[in-house]
Amino acid sequence: MKKILFMAALAFMFSACSKCVECTQEDFNGRNYEYATSDQNGNVETYGDRIDEVCSDNFESKKDFNEYIEEMEDQGAECKSDFWN
């Protein structure tokens, strides 16, 4: 009985996950775009890569989701699955 419940829980866990990818883009110098802030003196601080998360739940079909990801990659973005994050 415990095995059946475990298998059902495992199947539900994977079916409940939305398919998402994380995309980063590089600027013309080959560096990833970063979040940045500036103070009143014009000093700029950066806070790591800007990551855009795109989930299939936000699209009407899987085809639309895949086409959007392909378009982002055509424009220079690097997109990878965030399943294990």
Protein backbone atom coordinates (compact mmCIF):
# COMPACT_ATOMS: atom_id res chain seq x y z
CA MET A 1 0.00 0.00 0.00
CA LYS A 2 2.85 2.37 0.84
CA LYS A 3 4.43 1.74 -2.56
CA ILE A 4 1.20 2.60 -4.35
CA LEU A 5 0.84 5.87 -2.41
CA PHE A 6 4.47 6.73 -3.07
CA MET A 7 4.11 6.08 -6.81
CA ALA A 8 0.91 8.17 -6.94
CA ALA A 9 2.58 11.04 -5.09
CA LEU A 10 5.61 10.85 -7.39
CA ALA A 11 3.43 10.91 -10.51
CA PHE A 12 1.44 13.87 -9.17
CA MET A 13 4.63 15.76 -8.36
CA PHE A 14 5.90 15.52 -11.93
CA SER A 15 2.53 16.25 -13.53
CA ALA A 16 1.97 19.30 -11.31
CA CYS A 17 5.27 20.90 -12.31
CA SER A 18 5.03 23.58 -14.93
CA LYS A 19 7.67 23.49 -17.63
CA CYS A 20 9.79 26.59 -17.24
CA VAL A 21 13.04 27.79 -18.76
CA GLU A 22 15.44 30.49 -17.62
CA CYS A 23 16.88 32.78 -20.28
CA THR A 24 19.85 35.13 -20.13
CA GLN A 25 21.12 37.47 -22.84
CA GLU A 26 24.53 38.91 -23.60
CA ASP A 27 25.29 42.49 -24.55
CA PHE A 28 27.56 43.46 -27.46
CA ASN A 29 30.66 42.96 -25.29
CA GLY A 30 29.81 39.31 -24.60
CA ARG A 31 28.74 39.92 -20.98
CA ASN A 32 25.34 38.94 -19.62
CA TYR A 33 22.90 41.75 -18.96
CA GLU A 34 22.86 42.46 -15.22
CA TYR A 35 20.58 44.19 -12.76
CA ALA A 36 22.02 47.56 -11.88
CA THR A 37 21.28 50.51 -9.62
CA SER A 38 22.80 53.97 -9.55
CA ASP A 39 23.00 56.55 -6.79
CA GLN A 40 22.70 60.33 -6.98
CA ASN A 41 26.41 60.66 -7.78
CA GLY A 42 26.14 58.43 -10.85
CA ASN A 43 27.87 55.41 -9.25
CA VAL A 44 26.53 52.18 -10.68
CA GLU A 45 26.39 48.84 -8.84
CA THR A 46 25.52 45.55 -10.53
CA TYR A 47 23.75 42.64 -8.86
CA GLY A 48 24.21 39.61 -11.05
CA ASP A 49 22.72 38.33 -14.27
CA ARG A 50 19.22 39.30 -15.34
CA ILE A 51 17.33 36.03 -15.75
CA ASP A 52 13.94 35.90 -17.44
CA GLU A 53 11.83 32.90 -16.44
CA VAL A 54 9.32 31.75 -19.05
CA CYS A 55 6.75 29.09 -18.12
CA SER A 56 4.52 27.08 -20.42
CA ASP A 57 1.52 27.86 -18.19
CA ASN A 58 1.59 31.40 -19.59
CA PHE A 59 0.81 30.22 -23.14
CA GLU A 60 -2.29 28.76 -24.74
CA SER A 61 -0.42 25.87 -26.30
CA LYS A 62 2.90 24.08 -26.13
CA LYS A 63 3.53 25.18 -29.71
CA ASP A 64 3.23 28.86 -28.74
CA PHE A 65 5.59 28.31 -25.81
CA ASN A 66 8.21 26.59 -28.00
CA GLU A 67 7.94 29.26 -30.71
CA TYR A 68 8.47 32.00 -28.10
CA ILE A 69 11.58 30.26 -26.74
CA GLU A 70 12.92 29.77 -30.28
CA GLU A 71 12.38 33.48 -31.03
CA MET A 72 14.24 34.47 -27.85
CA GLU A 73 17.13 32.18 -28.79
CA ASP A 74 17.18 33.62 -32.32
CA GLN A 75 17.63 37.05 -30.72
CA GLY A 76 20.68 35.82 -28.79
CA ALA A 77 19.22 34.53 -25.52
CA GLU A 78 20.52 31.35 -23.91
CA CYS A 79 17.61 29.39 -22.47
CA LYS A 80 17.84 26.30 -20.30
CA SER A 81 15.47 24.29 -18.16
CA ASP A 82 15.14 25.26 -14.52
CA PHE A 83 13.62 21.92 -13.46
CA TRP A 84 16.24 21.24 -10.77
CA ASN A 85 16.44 24.83 -9.43
